[in-house]
C-alpha atoms as a PDB file:
ATOM      1  CA  MET A   1      -0.059   0.064  -0.036  1.00  0.00           C
ATOM      2  CA  ALA A   2       1.346   3.418  -0.992  1.00  0.00           C
ATOM      3  CA  GLY A   3       0.149   6.927  -1.345  1.00  0.00           C
ATOM      4  CA  GLU A   4       1.856   9.521  -3.909  1.00  0.00           C
ATOM      5  CA  LYS A   5       1.074  13.252  -3.787  1.00  0.00           C
ATOM      6  CA  THR A   6       0.416  15.003  -7.060  1.00  0.00           C
ATOM      7  CA  LYS A   7      -0.550  18.940  -6.835  1.00  0.00           C
ATOM      8  CA  GLY A   8      -3.241  18.695  -4.071  1.00  0.00           C
ATOM      9  CA  ARG A   9      -4.160  15.177  -4.579  1.00  0.00           C
ATOM     10  CA  LYS A  10      -3.054  11.786  -3.140  1.00  0.00           C
ATOM     11  CA  ARG A  11      -3.133   8.552  -4.769  1.00  0.00           C
ATOM     12  CA  HIS A  12      -3.322   5.536  -2.565  1.00  0.00           C
ATOM     13  CA  ILE A  13      -3.092   2.143  -4.248  1.00  0.00           C
ATOM     14  CA  VAL A  14      -3.027  -1.473  -3.015  1.00  0.00           C
ATOM     15  CA  VAL A  15      -1.037  -3.854  -5.127  1.00  0.00           C
ATOM     16  CA  ASP A  16      -0.454  -7.812  -5.136  1.00  0.00           C
ATOM     17  CA  VAL A  17       2.917  -9.093  -4.764  1.00  0.00           C
ATOM     18  CA  MET A  18       3.405  -8.855  -8.549  1.00  0.00           C
ATOM     19  CA  GLY A  19       2.343  -5.252  -8.723  1.00  0.00           C
ATOM     20  CA  THR A  20      -0.891  -5.847 -10.036  1.00  0.00           C
ATOM     21  CA  LEU A  21      -3.373  -2.929  -9.130  1.00  0.00           C
ATOM     22  CA  LEU A  22      -5.985  -4.365  -6.399  1.00  0.00           C
ATOM     23  CA  ALA A  23      -7.528  -0.766  -5.410  1.00  0.00           C
ATOM     24  CA  VAL A  24      -6.774   2.717  -5.886  1.00  0.00           C
ATOM     25  CA  VAL A  25      -8.412   5.883  -4.121  1.00  0.00           C
ATOM     26  CA  VAL A  26      -7.586   9.551  -5.101  1.00  0.00           C
ATOM     27  CA  HIS A  27      -8.588  12.173  -2.631  1.00  0.00           C
ATOM     28  CA  ALA A  28      -7.317  15.853  -1.357  1.00  0.00           C
ATOM     29  CA  ALA A  29      -3.728  16.052  -0.186  1.00  0.00           C
ATOM     30  CA  ASN A  30      -4.558  17.626   3.069  1.00  0.00           C
ATOM     31  CA  ILE A  31      -6.032  14.303   4.545  1.00  0.00           C
ATOM     32  CA  HIS A  32      -3.263  12.426   6.534  1.00  0.00           C
ATOM     33  CA  ASP A  33      -2.220   8.858   5.332  1.00  0.00           C
ATOM     34  CA  THR A  34      -3.004   7.308   8.605  1.00  0.00           C
ATOM     35  CA  LYS A  35      -6.707   8.390   8.212  1.00  0.00           C
ATOM     36  CA  SER A  36      -7.192   7.958   4.394  1.00  0.00           C
ATOM     37  CA  GLY A  37      -5.359   4.646   3.800  1.00  0.00           C
ATOM     38  CA  ILE A  38      -8.170   2.511   5.286  1.00  0.00           C
ATOM     39  CA  LYS A  39     -10.357   3.210   2.339  1.00  0.00           C
ATOM     40  CA  PRO A  40      -8.419   1.503  -0.393  1.00  0.00           C
ATOM     41  CA  ALA A  41      -7.744  -1.246   2.051  1.00  0.00           C
ATOM     42  CA  LYS A  42     -11.525  -1.885   2.787  1.00  0.00           C
ATOM     43  CA  LEU A  43     -11.929  -1.760  -1.068  1.00  0.00           C
ATOM     44  CA  ALA A  44      -9.246  -4.359  -1.849  1.00  0.00           C
ATOM     45  CA  PHE A  45     -10.453  -6.455   1.058  1.00  0.00           C
ATOM     46  CA  GLY A  46     -13.944  -6.399  -0.266  1.00  0.00           C
ATOM     47  CA  ARG A  47     -12.927  -7.432  -3.661  1.00  0.00           C
ATOM     48  CA  TYR A  48     -10.444  -9.966  -2.625  1.00  0.00           C
ATOM     49  CA  PRO A  49     -11.231 -11.424   0.768  1.00  0.00           C
ATOM     50  CA  SER A  50      -8.322 -13.847   0.539  1.00  0.00           C
ATOM     51  CA  ILE A  51      -5.811 -10.967   1.620  1.00  0.00           C
ATOM     52  CA  LYS A  52      -4.267 -11.998   4.797  1.00  0.00           C
ATOM     53  CA  LYS A  53      -2.120  -8.998   5.538  1.00  0.00           C
ATOM     54  CA  PHE A  54      -1.296  -5.741   4.345  1.00  0.00           C
ATOM     55  CA  CYS A  55       2.341  -4.033   4.094  1.00  0.00           C
ATOM     56  CA  ALA A  56       2.670  -0.418   4.077  1.00  0.00           C
ATOM     57  CA  ASP A  57       5.591   2.248   4.624  1.00  0.00           C
ATOM     58  CA  ALA A  58       6.083   4.395   7.961  1.00  0.00           C
ATOM     59  CA  GLY A  59       3.600   6.912   6.943  1.00  0.00           C
ATOM     60  CA  TYR A  60       0.941   4.692   7.555  1.00  0.00           C
ATOM     61  CA  ARG A  61       1.587   3.737  11.082  1.00  0.00           C
ATOM     62  CA  GLY A  62      -0.786   4.670  14.033  1.00  0.00           C
ATOM     63  CA  THR A  63      -4.464   5.013  13.242  1.00  0.00           C
ATOM     64  CA  PHE A  64      -4.033   2.991  10.007  1.00  0.00           C
ATOM     65  CA  VAL A  65      -2.675  -0.177  11.747  1.00  0.00           C
ATOM     66  CA  PHE A  66      -5.591   0.176  14.506  1.00  0.00           C
ATOM     67  CA  ASP A  67      -8.340   0.597  11.972  1.00  0.00           C
ATOM     68  CA  ILE A  68      -7.200  -2.440   9.774  1.00  0.00           C
ATOM     69  CA  ASP A  69      -7.085  -4.670  12.814  1.00  0.00           C
ATOM     70  CA  LYS A  70     -10.267  -3.349  14.271  1.00  0.00           C
ATOM     71  CA  ILE A  71     -12.390  -3.169  11.134  1.00  0.00           C
ATOM     72  CA  LEU A  72     -10.852  -6.018   8.906  1.00  0.00           C
ATOM     73  CA  GLY A  73      -9.297  -8.059  11.525  1.00  0.00           C
ATOM     74  CA  LEU A  74      -5.967  -8.224   9.611  1.00  0.00           C
ATOM     75  CA  GLY A  75      -2.338  -7.210  10.399  1.00  0.00           C
ATOM     76  CA  VAL A  76      -0.112  -4.666   8.897  1.00  0.00           C
ATOM     77  CA  GLY A  77       3.531  -5.079   8.538  1.00  0.00           C
ATOM     78  CA  ILE A  78       5.229  -1.718   8.382  1.00  0.00           C
ATOM     79  CA  SER A  79       8.368  -0.944   6.497  1.00  0.00           C
ATOM     80  CA  GLU A  80      10.899   1.151   8.771  1.00  0.00           C
ATOM     81  CA  LYS A  81      12.831   3.900   7.394  1.00  0.00           C
ATOM     82  CA  THR A  82      16.453   3.401   6.430  1.00  0.00           C
ATOM     83  CA  LYS A  83      19.213   5.480   7.938  1.00  0.00           C
ATOM     84  CA  PRO A  84      20.422   8.575   5.985  1.00  0.00           C
ATOM     85  CA  HIS A  85      22.880   8.058   3.127  1.00  0.00           C
ATOM     86  CA  GLU A  86      22.195   4.075   3.042  1.00  0.00           C
ATOM     87  CA  TRP A  87      20.529   2.277   0.576  1.00  0.00           C
ATOM     88  CA  GLU A  88      18.632  -0.886   1.463  1.00  0.00           C
ATOM     89  CA  LYS A  89      15.874  -2.919  -0.358  1.00  0.00           C
ATOM     90  CA  LEU A  90      12.816  -2.530   2.046  1.00  0.00           C
ATOM     91  CA  SER A  91      11.035  -5.831   1.795  1.00  0.00           C
ATOM     92  CA  TRP A  92       7.906  -5.955  -0.207  1.00  0.00           C
ATOM     93  CA  ARG A  93       8.099  -1.973  -0.578  1.00  0.00           C
ATOM     94  CA  TRP A  94       9.835  -1.810  -3.782  1.00  0.00           C
ATOM     95  CA  ILE A  95       6.795  -3.530  -5.597  1.00  0.00           C
ATOM     96  CA  VAL A  96       4.489  -0.858  -4.701  1.00  0.00           C
ATOM     97  CA  GLU A  97       7.354   1.945  -5.702  1.00  0.00           C
ATOM     98  CA  ARG A  98       7.728  -0.089  -9.148  1.00  0.00           C
ATOM     99  CA  THR A  99       4.026  -0.012  -9.669  1.00  0.00           C
ATOM    100  CA  LEU A 100       3.790   3.796  -9.170  1.00  0.00           C
ATOM    101  CA  SER A 101       6.769   4.190 -11.396  1.00  0.00           C
ATOM    102  CA  TRP A 102       4.948   2.393 -14.008  1.00  0.00           C
ATOM    103  CA  LEU A 103       2.011   4.671 -13.461  1.00  0.00           C
ATOM    104  CA  ASN A 104       4.033   7.632 -13.720  1.00  0.00           C
ATOM    105  CA  ASN A 105       5.273   6.935 -17.090  1.00  0.00           C
ATOM    106  CA  HIS A 106       1.797   7.916 -18.516  1.00  0.00           C
ATOM    107  CA  ARG A 107       1.522  11.689 -19.139  1.00  0.00           C
ATOM    108  CA  ARG A 108      -2.218  11.724 -17.977  1.00  0.00           C
ATOM    109  CA  LEU A 109      -0.749  11.193 -14.433  1.00  0.00           C
ATOM    110  CA  SER A 110       2.033  13.408 -14.342  1.00  0.00           C
ATOM    111  CA  GLY A 111      -0.130  16.328 -12.953  1.00  0.00           C
ATOM    112  CA  ASP A 112      -3.586  17.140 -11.676  1.00  0.00           C
ATOM    113  CA  TYR A 113      -5.068  18.763 -14.819  1.00  0.00           C
ATOM    114  CA  GLY A 114      -8.224  19.851 -12.710  1.00  0.00           C
ATOM    115  CA  ILE A 115     -10.090  16.632 -13.357  1.00  0.00           C
ATOM    116  CA  SER A 116     -12.469  15.134 -11.091  1.00  0.00           C
ATOM    117  CA  ILE A 117     -11.656  12.509  -8.234  1.00  0.00           C
ATOM    118  CA  ALA A 118     -13.570   9.744 -10.306  1.00  0.00           C
ATOM    119  CA  SER A 119     -11.637  10.789 -13.504  1.00  0.00           C
ATOM    120  CA  ALA A 120      -8.358  10.746 -11.636  1.00  0.00           C
ATOM    121  CA  GLU A 121      -9.137   7.075 -10.368  1.00  0.00           C
ATOM    122  CA  ALA A 122     -10.072   6.073 -13.728  1.00  0.00           C
ATOM    123  CA  ALA A 123      -6.907   7.423 -15.404  1.00  0.00           C
ATOM    124  CA  VAL A 124      -4.850   5.531 -12.951  1.00  0.00           C
ATOM    125  CA  LYS A 125      -6.759   2.291 -13.845  1.00  0.00           C
ATOM    126  CA  ILE A 126      -6.479   2.943 -17.509  1.00  0.00           C
ATOM    127  CA  SER A 127      -2.668   3.349 -17.222  1.00  0.00           C
ATOM    128  CA  HIS A 128      -2.239   0.084 -15.373  1.00  0.00           C
ATOM    129  CA  ALA A 129      -4.401  -1.638 -17.816  1.00  0.00           C
ATOM    130  CA  HIS A 130      -2.215  -0.328 -20.491  1.00  0.00           C
ATOM    131  CA  THR A 131       0.891  -1.304 -18.701  1.00  0.00           C
ATOM    132  CA  LEU A 132      -0.411  -4.926 -18.347  1.00  0.00           C
ATOM    133  CA  LEU A 133      -1.440  -5.173 -22.142  1.00  0.00           C
ATOM    134  CA  LYS A 134       1.944  -4.162 -23.241  1.00  0.00           C
ATOM    135  CA  ARG A 135       3.295  -7.250 -21.424  1.00  0.00           C
ATOM    136  CA  LEU A 136       1.307  -9.521 -23.502  1.00  0.00           C
END
């Protein structure tokens, strides 16, 4: 699970271990990740009830972890930050970062462009579908 800020909006995505998009939520950037992260997690769990655990970065600790446990009855693995000037592959975190990188290759997602939230979410889904189709 990861969030990405884009000119006043944040995109939260949930991906599986292969980087396939399971859920996406776009909202105003003034809502903190710990409070807004539950929505895509609930969407993903509703569509894929076989999910056993979520992995997230340190920005999601606190309320998010509590809500996932209380509402969904699942655990959350939090990737801790690395020390300054030290590179380390954070377990599972790179999968989300790789998916965000694939999405950012599409010009439509490079900025806000004044589109609605629903259109922004659809643009993420279309971009991901395009990425998957290129692999066939």
